[in-house]
Amino acid sequence: MLMLPIGLMFLIIQIVLTVELERAPKIIVATIWLVYGAIVLWDFWNVRRVEQKLLPS
């Protein structure tokens, strides 16, 4: 249940970042996307773990 709103939020952030980073140097853009990707993966991993604790097996 939590993954859908979080995924939508990250999708909107991705669109904004794409527009804002059009004129930035490539090395900065690549670094920002790597950090952003790590945050997204970490957040989804935490949400999945929380959902597994909330749902009975």
C-alpha atoms as a PDB file:
ATOM      1  CA  MET A   1       0.000   0.000   0.000  1.00  0.00           C
ATOM      2  CA  LEU A   2       2.796   2.430   0.816  1.00  0.00           C
ATOM      3  CA  MET A   3       4.816   1.740  -2.330  1.00  0.00           C
ATOM      4  CA  LEU A   4       2.348   3.374  -4.739  1.00  0.00           C
ATOM      5  CA  PRO A   5       2.368   6.892  -3.198  1.00  0.00           C
ATOM      6  CA  ILE A   6       6.123   6.743  -2.597  1.00  0.00           C
ATOM      7  CA  GLY A   7       6.707   5.599  -6.184  1.00  0.00           C
ATOM      8  CA  LEU A   8       4.546   8.452  -7.472  1.00  0.00           C
ATOM      9  CA  MET A   9       6.488  10.947  -5.361  1.00  0.00           C
ATOM     10  CA  PHE A  10       9.820   9.680  -6.709  1.00  0.00           C
ATOM     11  CA  LEU A  11       8.488   9.797 -10.276  1.00  0.00           C
ATOM     12  CA  ILE A  12       7.558  13.467  -9.859  1.00  0.00           C
ATOM     13  CA  ILE A  13      10.979  14.218  -8.343  1.00  0.00           C
ATOM     14  CA  GLN A  14      12.634  12.453 -11.293  1.00  0.00           C
ATOM     15  CA  ILE A  15      10.746  14.621 -13.787  1.00  0.00           C
ATOM     16  CA  VAL A  16      11.720  17.796 -11.919  1.00  0.00           C
ATOM     17  CA  LEU A  17      15.363  16.713 -11.731  1.00  0.00           C
ATOM     18  CA  THR A  18      15.430  15.957 -15.455  1.00  0.00           C
ATOM     19  CA  VAL A  19      14.153  19.446 -16.282  1.00  0.00           C
ATOM     20  CA  GLU A  20      16.461  21.203 -13.809  1.00  0.00           C
ATOM     21  CA  LEU A  21      19.640  19.320 -14.779  1.00  0.00           C
ATOM     22  CA  GLU A  22      19.524  19.877 -18.543  1.00  0.00           C
ATOM     23  CA  ARG A  23      22.316  22.477 -18.488  1.00  0.00           C
ATOM     24  CA  ALA A  24      24.475  21.045 -15.713  1.00  0.00           C
ATOM     25  CA  PRO A  25      27.851  19.367 -16.394  1.00  0.00           C
ATOM     26  CA  LYS A  26      27.604  15.632 -17.109  1.00  0.00           C
ATOM     27  CA  ILE A  27      29.685  14.540 -14.093  1.00  0.00           C
ATOM     28  CA  ILE A  28      27.384  16.397 -11.699  1.00  0.00           C
ATOM     29  CA  VAL A  29      24.288  14.968 -13.392  1.00  0.00           C
ATOM     30  CA  ALA A  30      25.651  11.414 -13.154  1.00  0.00           C
ATOM     31  CA  THR A  31      26.501  11.860  -9.471  1.00  0.00           C
ATOM     32  CA  ILE A  32      23.068  13.260  -8.666  1.00  0.00           C
ATOM     33  CA  TRP A  33      21.339  10.364 -10.469  1.00  0.00           C
ATOM     34  CA  LEU A  34      23.457   7.792  -8.608  1.00  0.00           C
ATOM     35  CA  VAL A  35      22.619   9.348  -5.249  1.00  0.00           C
ATOM     36  CA  TYR A  36      18.950   9.659  -6.212  1.00  0.00           C
ATOM     37  CA  GLY A  37      18.849   6.008  -7.317  1.00  0.00           C
ATOM     38  CA  ALA A  38      20.432   4.861  -4.063  1.00  0.00           C
ATOM     39  CA  ILE A  39      17.864   6.826  -2.048  1.00  0.00           C
ATOM     40  CA  VAL A  40      14.990   5.362  -4.061  1.00  0.00           C
ATOM     41  CA  LEU A  41      16.229   1.787  -3.627  1.00  0.00           C
ATOM     42  CA  TRP A  42      16.891   2.295   0.099  1.00  0.00           C
ATOM     43  CA  ASP A  43      13.439   3.792   0.633  1.00  0.00           C
ATOM     44  CA  PHE A  44      11.616   1.015  -1.223  1.00  0.00           C
ATOM     45  CA  TRP A  45      13.595  -1.588   0.729  1.00  0.00           C
ATOM     46  CA  ASN A  46      12.556   0.036   4.019  1.00  0.00           C
ATOM     47  CA  VAL A  47       8.899   0.292   2.951  1.00  0.00           C
ATOM     48  CA  ARG A  48       8.861  -3.357   1.946  1.00  0.00           C
ATOM     49  CA  ARG A  49      10.341  -4.328   5.313  1.00  0.00           C
ATOM     50  CA  VAL A  50       7.736  -2.256   7.197  1.00  0.00           C
ATOM     51  CA  GLU A  51       4.891  -3.755   5.143  1.00  0.00           C
ATOM     52  CA  GLN A  52       6.147  -7.268   5.886  1.00  0.00           C
ATOM     53  CA  LYS A  53       6.086  -6.499   9.614  1.00  0.00           C
ATOM     54  CA  LEU A  54       2.537  -5.096   9.415  1.00  0.00           C
ATOM     55  CA  LEU A  55       1.046  -7.919   7.367  1.00  0.00           C
ATOM     56  CA  PRO A  56       0.576 -11.216   9.187  1.00  0.00           C
ATOM     57  CA  SER A  57       2.275 -14.189   7.545  1.00  0.00           C
END
